[in-house]
C-alpha atoms as a PDB file:
ATOM      1  CA  UNK A   1      19.340   2.690  11.354  1.00  0.00           C
ATOM      2  CA  UNK A   2      18.875  -0.806  10.544  1.00  0.00           C
ATOM      3  CA  UNK A   3      18.627  -2.203   6.953  1.00  0.00           C
ATOM      4  CA  UNK A   4      14.891  -2.608   7.271  1.00  0.00           C
ATOM      5  CA  UNK A   5      14.576   1.124   8.201  1.00  0.00           C
ATOM      6  CA  UNK A   6      16.738   2.166   5.353  1.00  0.00           C
ATOM      7  CA  UNK A   7      14.989   0.058   2.886  1.00  0.00           C
ATOM      8  CA  UNK A   8      11.686   1.515   3.913  1.00  0.00           C
ATOM      9  CA  UNK A   9      13.054   5.028   3.827  1.00  0.00           C
ATOM     10  CA  UNK A  10      14.552   4.506   0.401  1.00  0.00           C
ATOM     11  CA  UNK A  11      11.067   3.168  -0.771  1.00  0.00           C
ATOM     12  CA  UNK A  12       9.218   6.252   0.483  1.00  0.00           C
ATOM     13  CA  UNK A  13      11.633   8.430  -1.137  1.00  0.00           C
ATOM     14  CA  UNK A  14      11.350   6.573  -4.465  1.00  0.00           C
ATOM     15  CA  UNK A  15       7.530   6.893  -4.276  1.00  0.00           C
ATOM     16  CA  UNK A  16       7.835  10.701  -3.464  1.00  0.00           C
ATOM     17  CA  UNK A  17       9.826  11.277  -6.778  1.00  0.00           C
ATOM     18  CA  UNK A  18       7.881   8.840  -8.826  1.00  0.00           C
ATOM     19  CA  UNK A  19       5.397  10.729 -11.355  1.00  0.00           C
ATOM     20  CA  UNK A  20       3.996   7.831 -13.331  1.00  0.00           C
ATOM     21  CA  UNK A  21       3.177   4.124 -13.413  1.00  0.00           C
ATOM     22  CA  UNK A  22       6.722   3.234 -14.480  1.00  0.00           C
ATOM     23  CA  UNK A  23       8.233   5.186 -11.507  1.00  0.00           C
ATOM     24  CA  UNK A  24       5.646   3.738  -9.084  1.00  0.00           C
ATOM     25  CA  UNK A  25       6.471   0.197 -10.349  1.00  0.00           C
ATOM     26  CA  UNK A  26      10.196   0.541 -10.165  1.00  0.00           C
ATOM     27  CA  UNK A  27      10.017   1.758  -6.581  1.00  0.00           C
ATOM     28  CA  UNK A  28       7.974  -1.188  -5.544  1.00  0.00           C
ATOM     29  CA  UNK A  29      10.004  -3.695  -7.387  1.00  0.00           C
ATOM     30  CA  UNK A  30      13.109  -2.508  -5.743  1.00  0.00           C
ATOM     31  CA  UNK A  31      11.367  -2.786  -2.505  1.00  0.00           C
ATOM     32  CA  UNK A  32      10.379  -6.300  -3.030  1.00  0.00           C
ATOM     33  CA  UNK A  33      13.821  -7.268  -4.193  1.00  0.00           C
ATOM     34  CA  UNK A  34      15.570  -5.849  -1.061  1.00  0.00           C
ATOM     35  CA  UNK A  35      13.262  -7.708   1.188  1.00  0.00           C
ATOM     36  CA  UNK A  36      14.237 -11.159  -0.732  1.00  0.00           C
ATOM     37  CA  UNK A  37      10.949 -11.339  -2.512  1.00  0.00           C
ATOM     38  CA  UNK A  38      10.783 -11.821  -6.286  1.00  0.00           C
ATOM     39  CA  UNK A  39       8.062  -9.808  -7.218  1.00  0.00           C
ATOM     40  CA  UNK A  40       5.314  -7.251  -6.211  1.00  0.00           C
ATOM     41  CA  UNK A  41       1.728  -6.698  -7.281  1.00  0.00           C
ATOM     42  CA  UNK A  42      -0.779  -3.826  -6.554  1.00  0.00           C
ATOM     43  CA  UNK A  43      -4.359  -4.495  -7.457  1.00  0.00           C
ATOM     44  CA  UNK A  44      -6.986  -1.525  -6.910  1.00  0.00           C
ATOM     45  CA  UNK A  45     -10.733  -1.517  -7.288  1.00  0.00           C
ATOM     46  CA  UNK A  46     -12.774   1.417  -7.630  1.00  0.00           C
ATOM     47  CA  UNK A  47     -15.759   0.492  -9.818  1.00  0.00           C
ATOM     48  CA  UNK A  48     -15.720   0.616 -12.937  1.00  0.00           C
ATOM     49  CA  UNK A  49     -11.938   1.184 -12.601  1.00  0.00           C
ATOM     50  CA  UNK A  50      -9.453  -1.714 -11.932  1.00  0.00           C
ATOM     51  CA  UNK A  51      -5.720  -0.767 -11.661  1.00  0.00           C
ATOM     52  CA  UNK A  52      -3.036  -3.277 -11.863  1.00  0.00           C
ATOM     53  CA  UNK A  53       0.759  -2.726 -11.212  1.00  0.00           C
ATOM     54  CA  UNK A  54       3.090  -5.548 -10.916  1.00  0.00           C
ATOM     55  CA  UNK A  55       6.426  -7.002 -11.736  1.00  0.00           C
ATOM     56  CA  UNK A  56       5.069 -10.411 -12.223  1.00  0.00           C
ATOM     57  CA  UNK A  57       5.962 -12.232 -15.595  1.00  0.00           C
ATOM     58  CA  UNK A  58       4.232 -10.392 -18.250  1.00  0.00           C
ATOM     59  CA  UNK A  59       2.594 -13.617 -19.486  1.00  0.00           C
ATOM     60  CA  UNK A  60       1.334 -14.463 -16.309  1.00  0.00           C
ATOM     61  CA  UNK A  61      -0.021 -10.789 -15.580  1.00  0.00           C
ATOM     62  CA  UNK A  62      -1.878 -11.131 -19.132  1.00  0.00           C
ATOM     63  CA  UNK A  63      -3.269 -14.276 -18.313  1.00  0.00           C
ATOM     64  CA  UNK A  64      -4.608 -13.152 -14.822  1.00  0.00           C
ATOM     65  CA  UNK A  65      -6.183  -9.971 -16.553  1.00  0.00           C
ATOM     66  CA  UNK A  66      -7.670 -11.818 -19.525  1.00  0.00           C
ATOM     67  CA  UNK A  67      -9.248 -14.698 -17.360  1.00  0.00           C
ATOM     68  CA  UNK A  68     -10.210 -12.313 -14.649  1.00  0.00           C
ATOM     69  CA  UNK A  69      -8.580 -14.328 -12.069  1.00  0.00           C
ATOM     70  CA  UNK A  70      -9.234 -11.709  -9.527  1.00  0.00           C
ATOM     71  CA  UNK A  71     -12.781 -13.173  -9.126  1.00  0.00           C
ATOM     72  CA  UNK A  72     -11.508 -16.458  -7.888  1.00  0.00           C
ATOM     73  CA  UNK A  73      -8.007 -15.529  -6.597  1.00  0.00           C
ATOM     74  CA  UNK A  74      -8.082 -16.846  -2.916  1.00  0.00           C
ATOM     75  CA  UNK A  75      -5.452 -14.036  -1.991  1.00  0.00           C
ATOM     76  CA  UNK A  76      -7.710 -11.193  -3.244  1.00  0.00           C
ATOM     77  CA  UNK A  77     -10.811 -13.036  -1.448  1.00  0.00           C
ATOM     78  CA  UNK A  78      -8.929 -13.200   1.762  1.00  0.00           C
ATOM     79  CA  UNK A  79      -7.733  -9.519   1.541  1.00  0.00           C
ATOM     80  CA  UNK A  80     -11.491  -8.377   1.187  1.00  0.00           C
ATOM     81  CA  UNK A  81     -12.175  -9.794   4.403  1.00  0.00           C
ATOM     82  CA  UNK A  82      -9.018  -8.889   6.232  1.00  0.00           C
ATOM     83  CA  UNK A  83      -7.906  -5.850   8.146  1.00  0.00           C
ATOM     84  CA  UNK A  84      -4.047  -6.590   8.409  1.00  0.00           C
ATOM     85  CA  UNK A  85      -1.452  -8.158   6.301  1.00  0.00           C
ATOM     86  CA  UNK A  86      -1.395 -11.912   6.014  1.00  0.00           C
ATOM     87  CA  UNK A  87       1.117 -14.571   4.606  1.00  0.00           C
ATOM     88  CA  UNK A  88      -0.234 -17.029   2.274  1.00  0.00           C
ATOM     89  CA  UNK A  89       0.501 -20.056  -0.070  1.00  0.00           C
ATOM     90  CA  UNK A  90      -1.649 -22.697  -1.404  1.00  0.00           C
ATOM     91  CA  UNK A  91      -1.841 -24.336   2.032  1.00  0.00           C
ATOM     92  CA  UNK A  92      -3.451 -21.353   3.375  1.00  0.00           C
ATOM     93  CA  UNK A  93      -6.840 -22.508   2.024  1.00  0.00           C
ATOM     94  CA  UNK A  94      -8.542 -25.354   3.766  1.00  0.00           C
ATOM     95  CA  UNK A  95     -10.974 -26.363   1.214  1.00  0.00           C
ATOM     96  CA  UNK A  96      -9.985 -24.828  -1.959  1.00  0.00           C
ATOM     97  CA  UNK A  97     -12.649 -24.962  -5.006  1.00  0.00           C
ATOM     98  CA  UNK A  98     -11.600 -26.759  -8.193  1.00  0.00           C
ATOM     99  CA  UNK A  99     -11.225 -23.379  -9.847  1.00  0.00           C
ATOM    100  CA  UNK A 100      -8.862 -22.205  -7.028  1.00  0.00           C
ATOM    101  CA  UNK A 101      -6.742 -25.410  -7.201  1.00  0.00           C
ATOM    102  CA  UNK A 102      -6.275 -24.667 -11.007  1.00  0.00           C
ATOM    103  CA  UNK A 103      -5.486 -21.082 -10.255  1.00  0.00           C
ATOM    104  CA  UNK A 104      -2.703 -22.084  -7.894  1.00  0.00           C
ATOM    105  CA  UNK A 105      -1.402 -24.644 -10.432  1.00  0.00           C
ATOM    106  CA  UNK A 106      -1.261 -22.111 -13.087  1.00  0.00           C
ATOM    107  CA  UNK A 107       0.552 -19.648 -10.784  1.00  0.00           C
ATOM    108  CA  UNK A 108       3.084 -22.205  -9.778  1.00  0.00           C
ATOM    109  CA  UNK A 109       4.141 -22.687 -13.336  1.00  0.00           C
ATOM    110  CA  UNK A 110       5.544 -19.143 -13.189  1.00  0.00           C
ATOM    111  CA  UNK A 111       7.021 -19.851  -9.682  1.00  0.00           C
ATOM    112  CA  UNK A 112       4.399 -17.961  -7.756  1.00  0.00           C
ATOM    113  CA  UNK A 113       3.865 -20.100  -4.648  1.00  0.00           C
ATOM    114  CA  UNK A 114       3.844 -17.708  -1.706  1.00  0.00           C
ATOM    115  CA  UNK A 115       3.737 -14.134  -0.518  1.00  0.00           C
ATOM    116  CA  UNK A 116       2.577 -11.593   1.993  1.00  0.00           C
ATOM    117  CA  UNK A 117      -0.433  -9.220   1.165  1.00  0.00           C
ATOM    118  CA  UNK A 118      -1.520  -5.904   2.801  1.00  0.00           C
ATOM    119  CA  UNK A 119      -5.459  -5.301   2.468  1.00  0.00           C
ATOM    120  CA  UNK A 120      -6.440  -1.506   1.900  1.00  0.00           C
ATOM    121  CA  UNK A 121      -9.895  -0.221   2.115  1.00  0.00           C
ATOM    122  CA  UNK A 122     -11.261   3.134   0.974  1.00  0.00           C
ATOM    123  CA  UNK A 123     -14.631   4.842   0.884  1.00  0.00           C
ATOM    124  CA  UNK A 124     -17.399   4.050  -1.593  1.00  0.00           C
ATOM    125  CA  UNK A 125     -16.399   0.407  -2.100  1.00  0.00           C
ATOM    126  CA  UNK A 126     -12.843   1.047  -2.963  1.00  0.00           C
ATOM    127  CA  UNK A 127     -10.530  -1.720  -2.107  1.00  0.00           C
ATOM    128  CA  UNK A 128      -6.856  -2.576  -2.975  1.00  0.00           C
ATOM    129  CA  UNK A 129      -4.371  -5.039  -2.169  1.00  0.00           C
ATOM    130  CA  UNK A 130      -0.468  -4.592  -2.157  1.00  0.00           C
ATOM    131  CA  UNK A 131       1.556  -7.959  -2.496  1.00  0.00           C
ATOM    132  CA  UNK A 132       5.026  -9.032  -2.272  1.00  0.00           C
ATOM    133  CA  UNK A 133       5.583 -12.693  -3.683  1.00  0.00           C
ATOM    134  CA  UNK A 134       8.251 -15.272  -4.234  1.00  0.00           C
ATOM    135  CA  UNK A 135       8.788 -19.023  -4.347  1.00  0.00           C
ATOM    136  CA  UNK A 136       8.419 -21.482  -1.454  1.00  0.00           C
ATOM    137  CA  UNK A 137      12.000 -20.721  -0.314  1.00  0.00           C
ATOM    138  CA  UNK A 138      12.054 -17.007  -0.735  1.00  0.00           C
ATOM    139  CA  UNK A 139      10.638 -14.166   1.073  1.00  0.00           C
ATOM    140  CA  UNK A 140      10.869 -13.132   4.779  1.00  0.00           C
ATOM    141  CA  UNK A 141       8.969 -14.119   7.895  1.00  0.00           C
ATOM    142  CA  UNK A 142       6.683 -11.382   8.728  1.00  0.00           C
ATOM    143  CA  UNK A 143       5.998 -12.397  12.301  1.00  0.00           C
ATOM    144  CA  UNK A 144       8.566  -9.559  13.330  1.00  0.00           C
ATOM    145  CA  UNK A 145       6.442  -6.847  14.880  1.00  0.00           C
ATOM    146  CA  UNK A 146       8.860  -4.204  13.267  1.00  0.00           C
ATOM    147  CA  UNK A 147       8.683  -5.850   9.816  1.00  0.00           C
ATOM    148  CA  UNK A 148       4.975  -6.263   9.823  1.00  0.00           C
ATOM    149  CA  UNK A 149       4.498  -2.568  10.711  1.00  0.00           C
ATOM    150  CA  UNK A 150       6.758  -1.430   7.881  1.00  0.00           C
ATOM    151  CA  UNK A 151       5.219  -3.806   5.355  1.00  0.00           C
ATOM    152  CA  UNK A 152       1.515  -2.676   6.436  1.00  0.00           C
ATOM    153  CA  UNK A 153       2.622   1.017   6.233  1.00  0.00           C
ATOM    154  CA  UNK A 154       4.466   0.228   2.739  1.00  0.00           C
ATOM    155  CA  UNK A 155       1.112  -0.938   1.268  1.00  0.00           C
ATOM    156  CA  UNK A 156      -0.717   2.014   2.479  1.00  0.00           C
ATOM    157  CA  UNK A 157       1.977   4.428   1.342  1.00  0.00           C
ATOM    158  CA  UNK A 158       1.915   2.865  -2.153  1.00  0.00           C
ATOM    159  CA  UNK A 159      -1.922   3.068  -2.381  1.00  0.00           C
ATOM    160  CA  UNK A 160      -1.879   6.598  -1.392  1.00  0.00           C
ATOM    161  CA  UNK A 161       0.708   7.572  -4.128  1.00  0.00           C
ATOM    162  CA  UNK A 162      -1.018   5.212  -6.819  1.00  0.00           C
ATOM    163  CA  UNK A 163      -4.317   6.976  -6.036  1.00  0.00           C
ATOM    164  CA  UNK A 164      -2.981  10.534  -5.857  1.00  0.00           C
ATOM    165  CA  UNK A 165      -0.654  10.083  -8.960  1.00  0.00           C
ATOM    166  CA  UNK A 166      -2.558   7.936 -11.335  1.00  0.00           C
ATOM    167  CA  UNK A 167      -5.940   9.355 -10.390  1.00  0.00           C
ATOM    168  CA  UNK A 168      -7.558   5.922  -9.353  1.00  0.00           C
ATOM    169  CA  UNK A 169     -11.067   5.886  -8.334  1.00  0.00           C
ATOM    170  CA  UNK A 170     -13.960   8.231  -8.087  1.00  0.00           C
ATOM    171  CA  UNK A 171     -12.001  11.256  -7.355  1.00  0.00           C
ATOM    172  CA  UNK A 172      -8.387  12.462  -7.229  1.00  0.00           C
ATOM    173  CA  UNK A 173      -6.736  12.333  -3.727  1.00  0.00           C
ATOM    174  CA  UNK A 174      -6.263  16.182  -4.080  1.00  0.00           C
ATOM    175  CA  UNK A 175     -10.178  16.677  -4.294  1.00  0.00           C
ATOM    176  CA  UNK A 176     -10.658  14.409  -1.270  1.00  0.00           C
ATOM    177  CA  UNK A 177     -11.482  16.019   2.180  1.00  0.00           C
ATOM    178  CA  UNK A 178      -8.974  15.690   4.940  1.00  0.00           C
ATOM    179  CA  UNK A 179      -9.767  12.868   7.495  1.00  0.00           C
ATOM    180  CA  UNK A 180      -9.942  13.587  11.164  1.00  0.00           C
ATOM    181  CA  UNK A 181      -6.660  11.958  11.907  1.00  0.00           C
ATOM    182  CA  UNK A 182      -4.941  14.038   9.239  1.00  0.00           C
ATOM    183  CA  UNK A 183      -6.479  17.137  10.653  1.00  0.00           C
ATOM    184  CA  UNK A 184      -5.104  16.147  14.105  1.00  0.00           C
ATOM    185  CA  UNK A 185      -1.693  15.463  12.905  1.00  0.00           C
ATOM    186  CA  UNK A 186      -1.728  18.911  11.112  1.00  0.00           C
ATOM    187  CA  UNK A 187      -3.123  20.489  14.224  1.00  0.00           C
ATOM    188  CA  UNK A 188      -0.313  19.366  16.360  1.00  0.00           C
ATOM    189  CA  UNK A 189       2.245  20.268  13.791  1.00  0.00           C
ATOM    190  CA  UNK A 190       0.858  23.770  13.609  1.00  0.00           C
ATOM    191  CA  UNK A 191       1.435  23.893  17.486  1.00  0.00           C
ATOM    192  CA  UNK A 192       5.115  23.111  16.941  1.00  0.00           C
ATOM    193  CA  UNK A 193       5.024  19.379  17.822  1.00  0.00           C
ATOM    194  CA  UNK A 194       7.564  17.117  16.100  1.00  0.00           C
ATOM    195  CA  UNK A 195       6.244  13.921  14.586  1.00  0.00           C
ATOM    196  CA  UNK A 196       7.529  11.602  17.384  1.00  0.00           C
ATOM    197  CA  UNK A 197       5.743  13.927  19.894  1.00  0.00           C
ATOM    198  CA  UNK A 198       2.507  13.873  17.789  1.00  0.00           C
ATOM    199  CA  UNK A 199       2.776  10.172  17.625  1.00  0.00           C
ATOM    200  CA  UNK A 200       2.942   9.875  21.587  1.00  0.00           C
ATOM    201  CA  UNK A 201      -0.047  12.191  21.878  1.00  0.00           C
ATOM    202  CA  UNK A 202      -2.188  10.370  19.616  1.00  0.00           C
ATOM    203  CA  UNK A 203      -1.195   6.984  20.396  1.00  0.00           C
ATOM    204  CA  UNK A 204       0.039   5.920  17.024  1.00  0.00           C
ATOM    205  CA  UNK A 205       3.613   5.369  15.620  1.00  0.00           C
ATOM    206  CA  UNK A 206       5.781   8.079  14.127  1.00  0.00           C
ATOM    207  CA  UNK A 207       5.637   6.453  10.820  1.00  0.00           C
ATOM    208  CA  UNK A 208       1.763   6.711  10.953  1.00  0.00           C
ATOM    209  CA  UNK A 209       1.968  10.329  11.642  1.00  0.00           C
ATOM    210  CA  UNK A 210       4.327  10.671   8.542  1.00  0.00           C
ATOM    211  CA  UNK A 211       1.810   8.969   6.580  1.00  0.00           C
ATOM    212  CA  UNK A 212      -1.148  11.069   7.490  1.00  0.00           C
ATOM    213  CA  UNK A 213       0.960  14.055   7.046  1.00  0.00           C
ATOM    214  CA  UNK A 214       1.938  13.003   3.425  1.00  0.00           C
ATOM    215  CA  UNK A 215      -1.653  12.409   2.649  1.00  0.00           C
ATOM    216  CA  UNK A 216      -2.699  15.761   3.864  1.00  0.00           C
ATOM    217  CA  UNK A 217       0.104  17.460   2.035  1.00  0.00           C
ATOM    218  CA  UNK A 218      -1.064  15.752  -1.203  1.00  0.00           C
ATOM    219  CA  UNK A 219      -4.595  16.661  -0.700  1.00  0.00           C
ATOM    220  CA  UNK A 220      -3.721  20.358   0.045  1.00  0.00           C
ATOM    221  CA  UNK A 221      -1.401  20.419  -3.036  1.00  0.00           C
ATOM    222  CA  UNK A 222       1.435  21.460  -0.877  1.00  0.00           C
ATOM    223  CA  UNK A 223       5.225  20.983  -1.452  1.00  0.00           C
ATOM    224  CA  UNK A 224       6.112  20.509   2.254  1.00  0.00           C
ATOM    225  CA  UNK A 225       4.481  19.728   5.441  1.00  0.00           C
ATOM    226  CA  UNK A 226       4.910  23.329   6.711  1.00  0.00           C
ATOM    227  CA  UNK A 227       3.060  24.543   3.594  1.00  0.00           C
ATOM    228  CA  UNK A 228       0.227  22.105   4.239  1.00  0.00           C
ATOM    229  CA  UNK A 229      -0.007  23.217   7.761  1.00  0.00           C
ATOM    230  CA  UNK A 230      -0.272  26.827   6.490  1.00  0.00           C
ATOM    231  CA  UNK A 231      -2.804  26.036   3.823  1.00  0.00           C
ATOM    232  CA  UNK A 232      -5.020  24.093   6.350  1.00  0.00           C
ATOM    233  CA  UNK A 233      -4.998  26.891   8.848  1.00  0.00           C
ATOM    234  CA  UNK A 234      -6.031  29.186   5.815  1.00  0.00           C
ATOM    235  CA  UNK A 235      -9.031  27.102   5.107  1.00  0.00           C
ATOM    236  CA  UNK A 236      -9.871  26.724   8.755  1.00  0.00           C
ATOM    237  CA  UNK A 237      -9.141  22.960   8.826  1.00  0.00           C
ATOM    238  CA  UNK A 238      -6.830  23.013  11.761  1.00  0.00           C
ATOM    239  CA  UNK A 239      -8.425  21.851  14.956  1.00  0.00           C
ATOM    240  CA  UNK A 240      -8.429  24.164  17.950  1.00  0.00           C
END
């Protein structure tokens, strides 16, 4: 198992045992530091709710919220129009507005120059962004396919746990219906297929299968995947 795989596994384990905002923040903070970033930030929108978790300097976090920087933050604006993770710094913008230039100038005072962000979209206008940030000399090159996949999935995992445990949005995760992919993963599990086998059948990665099964487990209020399969079968949610 590589160091990256171990870091990701520890991150997922920490999220599983986190029960509140402090636990979720500690898990993401450790994950960021182990990947040589200085900070993490999670920004979730589900009108009229806005949820922020981060390890940024407290004075910058207060300034960001008080000034409603999310309305001009070019990273947030890029994330709203992106499907995949992206790296950023102030050079990312080709023609920044005056307010955006001032925004980066203020962020630089706290050592925030660059980072990588995972955009996350949900239904009913819900949107979130999971960011790992550091200075110009810190951080890792995300051009590695394995690292990109891990960071992308880490953002999705984090959002799922924040949404479920902090009840972000219009409804709790436990009240949400299973997605088609979650039903598919549960159905193959019910047929005795292991996660790598399900991944091969569905044409997705094993980690993505884990992600869908974990979401399904949370929605079904089950302690284990096996219990989730049993509950889904009882409710008639397992595809034939």
